[in-house]
Amino acid sequence: MNVFKRIVVSVLGALVLLAGVVVVRTATYGSRSAEPATAVPAPVPVDSAAVRRLSEAVRIPTVTKFNAPADMPQFLKFHEFLRRSYPRVHARLAREAVDSGSLVYTWRGTDTTLAPVLLMGHMDVVPVEPGTEKDWTHPAFAGTVADGIIWGRGTLDDKISVMGLMEATEALLAAGFQPKRTVLFSFGHNEEGGGAAAAKVAQLFKTRGIAPWFVMDEGGAVGDGLVPGVAARVAVVGVAEKGYVSLRLTAKGEGGHSSTPPRETSVSILGEAVSELQGTPLPARLDGATLGMFNAIGPAMPWSWRVVMANLWLVRPVLTRLMAGERTGNAMVRTTTAATMISGGIKDNVVPASATAIVNFRLMPGDSVTWLLRQVNEIVDDARVTVELVEGTGREASAVSPDTSEGYRLIASAIRETLGASLVAPYLVMGGTDARNFELVSRNVYRFAPIVATGETMGLLHSTNERVSVDNYLNAVRFYRRLIEASAR
């Protein structure tokens, strides 16, 4: 009995000690993103014609379709529009075309020993889905400005970046600003089609020995009310992006007439394989950019969440499981599996000898294409089903750029000073950007678009009624101007 009492006392003591550690860690929980408030400079006036110029940019339908050649006449028209709209930029900066449609601008600094800054955007937009034209409040390529809103393709993705950078640079030149550090701009013309031109720009930089101090492309945004329990505006800056892999599963079976079918057909064999994949999620883990985001935002969350965030050493497995049970959270903690296409058969009374399915995966940083192929084959485990890469896919996830670099700090400061976000956090980008190609020449690659977004805003990307408010766009111009001033001094 005395032994039992000693055990109980020891366990209770351990629990009290554990509870004390949890409380102390929560009370002292802090974050690098919770920096002292910086003095916000007075808003810089923006040329009122900037809105008109973005409207004009939208009217040029620089559409790119996946795996299709670019509509070069429209891109050349857009190039000429930029030259006409920003005379100072084109008088002072060197401009060259890469792969015919993409543009690289060089604003040479006074100290060429300093590594340059590379700021990016893309000129191309996705097409309007056939049959949805009538659902647009204003036509997708009319560039309508009404009730404080600029409507049309590219207002969010991604002419806002191209035009915002041009507006900021034109204004800085008019004010007599001379950068100490060289500033480079890279504007792609086929980002929506896979970004082959951006890869060529990155290779060109490597050949020339250009290693940017930091790179910033589209990717993150500022969220208004997007983090439950956090009243402050939160900005997320992409420090990594997931990879992209599509696998083709082909099932072989006995063909013939449906009146005397075999016990299993190629279609049913394939269905079982796809079901196995969907029902066997790949391993989940909370690390890298997602962990960094929680560490940055955690101190601003309600007490109950701070207890969790401050004590991940204890509860990380539980939190990971909870995130994996929710759609968006699941995409943040694991390589995702999505069956997207399936085909087989030529007639309802014919048993096909083969059937195929396409399954798309978004790779977490740290998971490789080779690893994925091995995992999928082990899960399917059926000699009648072959697994192979779909041509043109097999892109590895990016590396994770540090959220401690001077470049990241400058981006965060410009966000706080111009976009009203008091919290800035690293973020894992779920989709793909041109930025990934520039890991070839820089380890500091970031993704942020100066848009203050709500849940509705994010749903407009690639969708019907894409639009941006006039105020949002003018603040984007201010952000780019502040970032260029700060990074190029």
Protein backbone atom coordinates (compact mmCIF):
# COMPACT_ATOMS: atom_id res chain seq x y z
CA MET A 1 0.00 0.00 0.00
CA ASN A 2 2.84 2.38 0.82
CA VAL A 3 4.34 1.65 -2.58
CA PHE A 4 0.99 2.42 -4.24
CA LYS A 5 0.72 5.73 -2.37
CA ARG A 6 4.20 6.71 -3.44
CA ILE A 7 3.31 5.96 -7.08
CA VAL A 8 0.11 8.05 -6.86
CA VAL A 9 1.95 10.93 -5.22
CA SER A 10 4.67 10.78 -7.88
CA VAL A 11 2.16 10.77 -10.73
CA LEU A 12 0.19 13.66 -9.23
CA GLY A 13 3.39 15.58 -8.70
CA ALA A 14 4.40 15.01 -12.31
CA LEU A 15 0.99 16.21 -13.51
CA VAL A 16 1.18 19.34 -11.37
CA LEU A 17 4.69 20.01 -12.68
CA LEU A 18 3.50 19.45 -16.27
CA ALA A 19 0.56 21.79 -15.74
CA GLY A 20 2.93 24.40 -14.34
CA VAL A 21 5.23 24.11 -17.35
CA VAL A 22 2.24 24.49 -19.72
CA VAL A 23 0.97 27.60 -17.92
CA VAL A 24 4.40 29.24 -17.77
CA ARG A 25 5.14 28.52 -21.43
CA THR A 26 1.75 29.94 -22.42
CA ALA A 27 2.22 33.08 -20.33
CA THR A 28 5.64 33.77 -21.81
CA TYR A 29 4.72 32.77 -25.36
CA GLY A 30 5.98 35.32 -27.86
CA SER A 31 6.68 35.68 -31.57
CA ARG A 32 9.11 37.36 -33.90
CA SER A 33 6.16 38.71 -35.89
CA ALA A 34 4.81 40.56 -32.85
CA GLU A 35 7.31 43.39 -33.24
CA PRO A 36 6.86 46.84 -31.69
CA ALA A 37 4.68 49.06 -33.85
CA THR A 38 6.68 51.01 -36.38
CA ALA A 39 5.95 54.59 -37.33
CA VAL A 40 3.70 54.46 -40.36
CA PRO A 41 4.63 57.12 -42.91
CA ALA A 42 1.94 59.34 -44.34
CA PRO A 43 0.29 57.73 -47.39
CA VAL A 44 2.09 58.60 -50.60
CA PRO A 45 -0.25 60.13 -53.19
CA VAL A 46 -0.82 57.88 -56.19
CA ASP A 47 -1.48 59.19 -59.67
CA SER A 48 -5.25 59.08 -60.16
CA ALA A 49 -4.64 57.82 -63.70
CA ALA A 50 -3.26 54.59 -62.24
CA VAL A 51 -6.78 53.17 -62.08
CA ARG A 52 -7.40 54.01 -65.70
CA ARG A 53 -4.17 52.31 -66.71
CA LEU A 54 -5.06 49.09 -64.86
CA SER A 55 -8.43 49.21 -66.59
CA GLU A 56 -6.68 49.50 -69.96
CA ALA A 57 -4.38 46.61 -69.07
CA VAL A 58 -7.38 44.37 -68.38
CA ARG A 59 -8.78 45.16 -71.83
CA ILE A 60 -5.84 43.44 -73.51
CA PRO A 61 -6.77 39.71 -73.36
CA THR A 62 -3.34 38.21 -72.65
CA VAL A 63 -4.84 34.75 -72.14
CA THR A 64 -2.70 31.67 -71.60
CA LYS A 65 -4.11 28.17 -71.72
CA PHE A 66 -2.31 25.21 -70.17
CA ASN A 67 -0.05 23.40 -72.66
CA ALA A 68 -1.08 25.73 -75.48
CA PRO A 69 1.02 28.32 -77.35
CA ALA A 70 0.72 31.92 -76.18
CA ASP A 71 -1.34 34.42 -78.16
CA MET A 72 1.76 36.45 -78.99
CA PRO A 73 0.05 39.37 -80.79
CA GLN A 74 -1.81 40.19 -77.58
CA PHE A 75 1.37 40.04 -75.50
CA LEU A 76 3.22 42.26 -77.96
CA LYS A 77 0.30 44.67 -77.75
CA PHE A 78 0.64 44.61 -73.96
CA HIS A 79 4.38 45.28 -74.21
CA GLU A 80 3.68 48.35 -76.33
CA PHE A 81 0.99 49.45 -73.86
CA LEU A 82 3.55 49.35 -71.04
CA ARG A 83 6.07 51.32 -73.09
CA ARG A 84 3.48 53.98 -73.88
CA SER A 85 2.07 54.16 -70.35
CA TYR A 86 5.37 54.43 -68.45
CA PRO A 87 7.72 56.66 -70.43
CA ARG A 88 10.19 57.30 -67.59
CA VAL A 89 10.55 53.57 -66.92
CA HIS A 90 11.31 52.90 -70.55
CA ALA A 91 13.72 55.82 -70.81
CA ARG A 92 15.75 54.86 -67.72
CA LEU A 93 15.51 51.08 -67.34
CA ALA A 94 16.91 48.48 -69.71
CA ARG A 95 14.22 46.17 -71.08
CA GLU A 96 14.67 42.84 -72.82
CA ALA A 97 12.27 40.18 -74.00
CA VAL A 98 12.84 36.56 -73.01
CA ASP A 99 11.14 33.76 -74.94
CA SER A 100 9.49 36.54 -76.98
CA GLY A 101 6.66 37.23 -74.53
CA SER A 102 8.25 37.70 -71.09
CA LEU A 103 9.95 40.94 -70.04
CA VAL A 104 12.95 41.65 -67.81
CA TYR A 105 13.67 45.21 -66.68
CA THR A 106 16.97 46.30 -65.09
CA TRP A 107 17.10 49.45 -62.95
CA ARG A 108 20.82 49.72 -62.37
CA GLY A 109 21.91 50.84 -58.92
CA THR A 110 24.84 53.06 -58.03
CA ASP A 111 26.60 50.24 -56.15
CA THR A 112 26.87 47.28 -58.49
CA THR A 113 28.71 45.24 -55.86
CA LEU A 114 25.39 44.76 -54.04
CA ALA A 115 23.25 41.78 -54.99
CA PRO A 116 20.10 42.95 -56.83
CA VAL A 117 16.48 42.65 -55.74
CA LEU A 118 14.11 40.76 -58.06
CA LEU A 119 10.41 41.68 -58.04
CA MET A 120 8.00 39.66 -60.15
CA GLY A 121 4.52 39.39 -61.63
CA HIS A 122 2.92 37.83 -64.67
CA MET A 123 1.08 39.40 -67.59
CA ASP A 124 -1.00 36.40 -68.61
CA VAL A 125 -4.44 35.50 -67.32
CA VAL A 126 -6.64 32.43 -67.43
CA PRO A 127 -9.49 32.23 -69.94
CA VAL A 128 -13.12 32.68 -69.03
CA GLU A 129 -14.83 29.32 -68.64
CA PRO A 130 -17.07 28.79 -71.69
CA GLY A 131 -20.71 29.23 -70.83
CA THR A 132 -20.09 31.54 -67.85
CA GLU A 133 -19.75 34.77 -69.81
CA LYS A 134 -23.31 35.81 -68.95
CA ASP A 135 -22.60 35.39 -65.23
CA TRP A 136 -20.13 38.28 -65.16
CA THR A 137 -21.56 41.52 -63.75
CA HIS A 138 -19.25 43.34 -66.18
CA PRO A 139 -17.50 41.64 -69.13
CA ALA A 140 -14.22 39.96 -68.18
CA PHE A 141 -12.10 42.02 -70.57
CA ALA A 142 -13.96 45.34 -70.47
CA GLY A 143 -11.90 46.77 -67.59
CA THR A 144 -15.01 48.41 -66.16
CA VAL A 145 -14.55 50.76 -63.20
CA ALA A 146 -17.78 51.16 -61.24
CA ASP A 147 -18.64 51.99 -57.63
CA GLY A 148 -15.03 51.93 -56.50
CA ILE A 149 -14.31 48.54 -58.10
CA ILE A 150 -12.09 47.59 -61.04
CA TRP A 151 -13.57 44.55 -62.78
CA GLY A 152 -11.97 41.95 -65.00
CA ARG A 153 -9.40 39.24 -65.60
CA GLY A 154 -6.03 40.09 -64.12
CA THR A 155 -7.23 42.57 -61.51
CA LEU A 156 -6.22 40.00 -58.88
CA ASP A 157 -4.15 37.46 -60.83
CA ASP A 158 -1.78 39.04 -61.71
CA LYS A 159 -1.77 42.28 -63.66
CA ILE A 160 -2.20 44.02 -60.31
CA SER A 161 1.46 43.13 -59.57
CA VAL A 162 2.81 44.10 -62.99
CA MET A 163 0.95 47.40 -63.09
CA GLY A 164 1.57 48.16 -59.41
CA LEU A 165 5.31 47.76 -59.87
CA MET A 166 5.31 49.92 -62.99
CA GLU A 167 3.27 52.65 -61.27
CA ALA A 168 5.59 52.65 -58.26
CA THR A 169 8.72 52.81 -60.42
CA GLU A 170 7.37 55.59 -62.65
CA ALA A 171 6.52 57.63 -59.54
CA LEU A 172 9.93 57.03 -57.95
CA LEU A 173 11.67 58.12 -61.15
CA ALA A 174 9.53 61.26 -61.26
CA ALA A 175 10.58 61.99 -57.66
CA GLY A 176 14.27 61.63 -58.60
CA PHE A 177 14.86 58.38 -56.71
CA GLN A 178 18.09 56.59 -57.62
CA PRO A 179 18.51 53.08 -56.22
CA LYS A 180 21.78 52.14 -54.61
CA ARG A 181 21.00 48.45 -55.15
CA THR A 182 20.02 47.27 -58.64
CA VAL A 183 16.34 46.42 -58.97
CA LEU A 184 15.18 43.77 -61.45
CA PHE A 185 11.63 43.15 -62.64
CA SER A 186 10.56 39.91 -64.30
CA PHE A 187 7.11 39.72 -65.88
CA GLY A 188 6.16 36.31 -67.23
CA HIS A 189 3.81 35.56 -70.10
CA ASN A 190 2.94 31.90 -69.46
CA GLU A 191 2.73 31.47 -65.70
CA GLU A 192 -0.80 30.12 -66.10
CA GLY A 193 0.52 27.63 -68.63
CA GLY A 194 3.29 26.20 -66.48
CA GLY A 195 5.89 28.98 -66.35
CA ALA A 196 8.41 27.70 -68.90
CA ALA A 197 9.50 31.27 -69.70
CA ALA A 198 10.30 32.01 -66.05
CA ALA A 199 12.58 28.98 -66.01
CA LYS A 200 14.41 30.50 -68.98
CA VAL A 201 14.77 33.82 -67.17
CA ALA A 202 16.21 32.05 -64.12
CA GLN A 203 18.66 30.16 -66.31
CA LEU A 204 19.62 33.44 -68.02
CA PHE A 205 20.37 34.98 -64.62
CA LYS A 206 22.48 31.99 -63.65
CA THR A 207 24.45 32.24 -66.88
CA ARG A 208 25.09 35.93 -66.19
CA GLY A 209 26.06 35.32 -62.57
CA ILE A 210 23.06 37.23 -61.20
CA ALA A 211 22.19 36.05 -57.68
CA PRO A 212 19.32 38.15 -56.25
CA TRP A 213 19.49 39.25 -52.61
CA PHE A 214 15.86 38.24 -52.43
CA VAL A 215 13.02 37.46 -54.83
CA MET A 216 9.35 38.37 -54.40
CA ASP A 217 6.50 37.11 -56.58
CA GLU A 218 2.75 36.72 -56.05
CA GLY A 219 1.47 34.14 -53.56
CA GLY A 220 0.48 35.45 -50.12
CA ALA A 221 -1.92 38.23 -49.14
CA VAL A 222 -3.34 40.18 -46.22
CA GLY A 223 -6.32 38.54 -44.54
CA ASP A 224 -9.18 40.43 -42.95
CA GLY A 225 -10.91 38.18 -40.45
CA LEU A 226 -9.44 35.02 -41.94
CA VAL A 227 -7.89 33.75 -38.69
CA PRO A 228 -10.57 32.78 -36.13
CA GLY A 229 -10.28 34.70 -32.88
CA VAL A 230 -7.68 37.16 -34.22
CA ALA A 231 -9.01 40.66 -34.70
CA ALA A 232 -5.82 42.03 -36.22
CA ARG A 233 -5.12 41.95 -39.92
CA VAL A 234 -2.75 39.10 -40.67
CA ALA A 235 -0.45 39.00 -43.68
CA VAL A 236 0.98 35.73 -44.92
CA VAL A 237 4.16 35.65 -46.99
CA GLY A 238 4.84 32.47 -48.92
CA VAL A 239 8.21 30.98 -48.01
CA ALA A 240 7.60 27.73 -49.90
CA GLU A 241 5.19 26.14 -52.34
CA LYS A 242 3.95 22.62 -52.83
CA GLY A 243 5.01 20.42 -55.70
CA TYR A 244 2.71 19.16 -58.44
CA VAL A 245 2.43 15.57 -59.62
CA SER A 246 -0.23 13.80 -61.66
CA LEU A 247 -0.15 10.02 -61.94
CA ARG A 248 -1.91 7.89 -64.52
CA LEU A 249 -3.33 4.63 -63.23
CA THR A 250 -4.14 2.07 -65.94
CA ALA A 251 -6.05 -1.08 -65.07
CA LYS A 252 -6.00 -4.10 -67.38
CA GLY A 253 -8.75 -6.68 -67.46
CA GLU A 254 -10.56 -9.15 -69.66
CA GLY A 255 -12.66 -7.47 -72.33
CA GLY A 256 -15.82 -8.80 -73.91
CA HIS A 257 -19.58 -8.53 -73.97
CA SER A 258 -21.39 -7.26 -70.88
CA SER A 259 -23.90 -10.10 -71.08
CA THR A 260 -21.24 -12.56 -69.89
CA PRO A 261 -18.94 -10.37 -67.80
CA PRO A 262 -15.85 -11.49 -65.89
CA ARG A 263 -15.98 -11.32 -62.10
CA GLU A 264 -13.98 -8.08 -62.20
CA THR A 265 -13.68 -5.62 -65.06
CA SER A 266 -10.91 -3.13 -65.72
CA VAL A 267 -13.32 -0.43 -64.54
CA SER A 268 -13.98 -2.12 -61.19
CA ILE A 269 -10.28 -2.91 -60.73
CA LEU A 270 -9.46 0.74 -61.36
CA GLY A 271 -12.23 1.88 -59.04
CA GLU A 272 -10.79 -0.20 -56.21
CA ALA A 273 -7.31 1.22 -56.83
CA VAL A 274 -8.57 4.82 -56.78
CA SER A 275 -10.65 4.09 -53.69
CA GLU A 276 -7.59 2.69 -51.93
CA LEU A 277 -5.61 5.83 -52.74
CA GLN A 278 -8.35 8.18 -51.57
CA GLY A 279 -8.89 6.13 -48.45
CA THR A 280 -5.21 5.97 -47.50
CA PRO A 281 -4.01 9.53 -46.90
CA LEU A 282 -0.28 10.10 -47.10
CA PRO A 283 1.50 10.88 -43.79
CA ALA A 284 0.68 14.21 -42.16
CA ARG A 285 3.19 16.38 -40.30
CA LEU A 286 3.26 19.87 -38.85
CA ASP A 287 6.58 21.48 -39.74
CA GLY A 288 8.28 23.94 -42.06
CA ALA A 289 6.25 26.89 -43.31
CA THR A 290 3.03 25.77 -41.62
CA LEU A 291 4.71 25.48 -38.23
CA GLY A 292 6.31 28.88 -38.81
CA MET A 293 2.89 30.39 -39.52
CA PHE A 294 1.47 29.05 -36.26
CA ASN A 295 4.48 30.30 -34.32
CA ALA A 296 3.97 33.78 -35.78
CA ILE A 297 0.20 34.02 -35.34
CA GLY A 298 -0.13 32.00 -32.14
CA PRO A 299 0.58 34.82 -29.63
CA ALA A 300 -2.37 36.83 -31.02
CA MET A 301 -4.84 33.96 -30.76
CA PRO A 302 -7.29 33.41 -27.88
CA TRP A 303 -5.92 31.89 -24.65
CA SER A 304 -7.16 28.39 -25.46
CA TRP A 305 -5.22 28.39 -28.73
CA ARG A 306 -2.15 29.96 -27.13
CA VAL A 307 -2.04 27.03 -24.73
CA VAL A 308 -1.83 24.74 -27.75
CA MET A 309 0.64 26.84 -29.75
CA ALA A 310 2.99 27.39 -26.81
CA ASN A 311 3.11 23.69 -26.02
CA LEU A 312 3.44 21.98 -29.37
CA TRP A 313 6.16 19.80 -27.88
CA LEU A 314 3.30 18.14 -26.02
CA VAL A 315 0.26 18.38 -28.32
CA ARG A 316 1.67 18.49 -31.86
CA PRO A 317 0.34 15.01 -32.82
CA VAL A 318 -3.16 15.97 -31.66
CA LEU A 319 -3.10 19.31 -33.50
CA THR A 320 -1.81 17.62 -36.64
CA ARG A 321 -4.71 15.14 -36.56
CA LEU A 322 -7.22 17.95 -36.03
CA MET A 323 -5.83 19.90 -38.98
CA ALA A 324 -5.83 16.82 -41.18
CA GLY A 325 -9.54 16.44 -40.51
CA GLU A 326 -10.37 19.80 -42.10
CA ARG A 327 -10.10 20.52 -45.83
CA THR A 328 -7.76 23.52 -45.80
CA GLY A 329 -5.81 22.32 -42.79
CA ASN A 330 -5.30 18.94 -44.44
CA ALA A 331 -3.62 20.62 -47.42
CA MET A 332 -1.26 22.42 -45.03
CA VAL A 333 0.07 19.29 -43.33
CA ARG A 334 0.31 16.57 -45.96
CA THR A 335 0.81 15.69 -49.61
CA THR A 336 -2.78 15.65 -50.82
CA THR A 337 -4.48 13.09 -53.06
CA ALA A 338 -7.21 14.04 -55.53
CA ALA A 339 -8.69 11.73 -58.16
CA THR A 340 -9.60 14.15 -60.96
CA MET A 341 -10.18 12.20 -64.20
CA ILE A 342 -11.35 8.72 -65.14
CA SER A 343 -12.11 7.05 -68.46
CA GLY A 344 -12.73 3.63 -69.95
CA GLY A 345 -15.08 1.86 -72.28
CA ILE A 346 -16.64 2.69 -75.64
CA LYS A 347 -20.20 1.43 -75.19
CA ASP A 348 -22.50 0.53 -72.33
CA ASN A 349 -22.64 -3.15 -73.30
CA VAL A 350 -18.90 -3.59 -73.91
CA VAL A 351 -16.52 -4.61 -71.12
CA PRO A 352 -13.33 -2.59 -71.75
CA ALA A 353 -9.95 -4.27 -71.67
CA SER A 354 -8.45 -1.22 -69.95
CA ALA A 355 -9.47 1.86 -67.98
CA THR A 356 -7.46 4.87 -66.81
CA ALA A 357 -7.62 7.45 -64.06
CA ILE A 358 -5.61 10.58 -63.32
CA VAL A 359 -4.82 11.31 -59.69
CA ASN A 360 -3.29 14.67 -58.77
CA PHE A 361 -0.96 15.13 -55.80
CA ARG A 362 0.36 18.34 -54.24
CA LEU A 363 3.71 17.52 -52.67
CA MET A 364 4.71 18.82 -49.26
CA PRO A 365 8.27 20.19 -49.04
CA GLY A 366 10.36 17.20 -48.02
CA ASP A 367 8.25 14.67 -49.98
CA SER A 368 9.79 13.79 -53.35
CA VAL A 369 8.31 12.52 -56.61
CA THR A 370 10.29 9.30 -56.22
CA TRP A 371 8.93 8.81 -52.71
CA LEU A 372 5.39 9.45 -53.94
CA LEU A 373 5.62 6.85 -56.71
CA ARG A 374 6.83 4.30 -54.20
CA GLN A 375 4.01 5.13 -51.78
CA VAL A 376 1.31 4.93 -54.46
CA ASN A 377 2.51 1.57 -55.74
CA GLU A 378 2.54 0.20 -52.20
CA ILE A 379 -1.00 1.46 -51.54
CA VAL A 380 -2.47 0.18 -54.82
CA ASP A 381 -0.55 -3.12 -54.56
CA ASP A 382 -2.19 -4.67 -57.63
CA ALA A 383 -0.19 -6.13 -60.51
CA ARG A 384 -3.09 -5.40 -62.84
CA VAL A 385 -2.70 -1.65 -62.29
CA THR A 386 0.27 0.30 -63.64
CA VAL A 387 1.27 3.68 -62.24
CA GLU A 388 3.17 6.27 -64.28
CA LEU A 389 3.84 9.98 -64.33
CA VAL A 390 1.62 12.09 -66.55
CA GLU A 391 3.80 13.89 -69.10
CA GLY A 392 4.69 17.44 -68.10
CA THR A 393 4.14 16.92 -64.37
CA GLY A 394 6.47 15.71 -61.65
CA ARG A 395 7.46 19.07 -60.20
CA GLU A 396 9.15 18.82 -56.81
CA ALA A 397 8.07 21.00 -53.92
CA SER A 398 10.19 24.09 -53.38
CA ALA A 399 12.75 24.58 -50.67
CA VAL A 400 11.64 26.56 -47.61
CA SER A 401 13.13 30.05 -47.60
CA PRO A 402 14.07 31.53 -44.21
CA ASP A 403 11.68 33.91 -42.46
CA THR A 404 14.68 35.42 -40.66
CA SER A 405 16.37 37.01 -43.68
CA GLU A 406 16.71 40.74 -44.26
CA GLY A 407 14.58 40.42 -47.40
CA TYR A 408 11.70 38.86 -45.47
CA ARG A 409 12.02 41.57 -42.82
CA LEU A 410 11.82 44.31 -45.45
CA ILE A 411 8.73 42.76 -47.01
CA ALA A 412 7.12 42.49 -43.56
CA SER A 413 7.94 46.12 -42.74
CA ALA A 414 6.47 47.37 -46.02
CA ILE A 415 3.31 45.36 -45.32
CA ARG A 416 2.92 46.88 -41.85
CA GLU A 417 3.56 50.40 -43.08
CA THR A 418 1.20 50.41 -46.06
CA LEU A 419 -1.41 47.66 -45.66
CA GLY A 420 -2.34 47.89 -42.00
CA ALA A 421 -1.34 44.33 -41.04
CA SER A 422 0.16 44.14 -37.55
CA LEU A 423 1.00 40.43 -37.86
CA VAL A 424 3.12 38.95 -40.65
CA ALA A 425 3.58 35.20 -40.87
CA PRO A 426 5.36 32.72 -43.17
CA TYR A 427 3.08 30.54 -45.24
CA LEU A 428 3.02 27.43 -47.43
CA VAL A 429 1.59 28.28 -50.87
CA MET A 430 -0.71 25.50 -52.07
CA GLY A 431 -0.53 26.36 -55.76
CA GLY A 432 2.40 27.11 -58.04
CA THR A 433 4.11 30.37 -58.97
CA ASP A 434 6.93 31.42 -61.28
CA ALA A 435 9.00 32.13 -58.15
CA ARG A 436 9.96 28.48 -57.70
CA ASN A 437 12.27 28.69 -60.73
CA PHE A 438 14.48 31.27 -59.03
CA GLU A 439 15.72 28.90 -56.34
CA LEU A 440 18.33 28.32 -59.03
CA VAL A 441 19.88 31.71 -58.20
CA SER A 442 18.64 32.72 -54.72
CA ARG A 443 17.82 31.00 -51.44
CA ASN A 444 15.54 33.87 -50.37
CA VAL A 445 12.42 33.42 -52.50
CA TYR A 446 9.15 34.91 -51.22
CA ARG A 447 5.59 35.11 -52.44
CA PHE A 448 3.28 37.99 -51.59
CA ALA A 449 0.66 40.02 -53.46
CA PRO A 450 -0.37 43.29 -51.74
CA ILE A 451 -4.08 42.48 -51.63
CA VAL A 452 -6.27 42.83 -48.56
CA ALA A 453 -8.48 39.80 -48.97
CA THR A 454 -11.55 38.26 -47.43
CA GLY A 455 -12.75 34.71 -47.94
CA GLU A 456 -14.84 35.98 -50.86
CA THR A 457 -11.83 37.65 -52.47
CA MET A 458 -9.83 34.43 -52.53
CA GLY A 459 -12.74 32.71 -54.25
CA LEU A 460 -12.53 35.16 -57.15
CA LEU A 461 -9.13 33.93 -58.35
CA HIS A 462 -9.57 32.21 -61.72
CA SER A 463 -13.32 32.60 -61.22
CA THR A 464 -16.29 34.65 -62.39
CA ASN A 465 -16.38 38.36 -61.49
CA GLU A 466 -12.68 38.71 -60.67
CA ARG A 467 -12.25 42.23 -59.33
CA VAL A 468 -10.31 44.50 -56.97
CA SER A 469 -11.32 47.66 -55.15
CA VAL A 470 -9.74 50.95 -56.20
CA ASP A 471 -8.46 51.50 -52.65
CA ASN A 472 -6.90 48.04 -52.61
CA TYR A 473 -5.07 48.70 -55.85
CA LEU A 474 -3.79 52.14 -54.83
CA ASN A 475 -2.48 50.67 -51.57
CA ALA A 476 -0.75 47.96 -53.60
CA VAL A 477 1.08 50.69 -55.53
CA ARG A 478 2.10 52.28 -52.22
CA PHE A 479 3.36 48.93 -50.94
CA TYR A 480 5.55 48.37 -53.99
CA ARG A 481 6.94 51.89 -53.77
CA ARG A 482 7.79 51.45 -50.10
CA LEU A 483 9.42 48.06 -50.71
CA ILE A 484 11.56 49.37 -53.57
CA GLU A 485 12.65 52.40 -51.54
CA ALA A 486 13.56 50.31 -48.51
CA SER A 487 15.36 47.51 -50.32
CA ALA A 488 17.24 49.58 -52.89
CA ARG A 489 18.69 52.27 -50.63
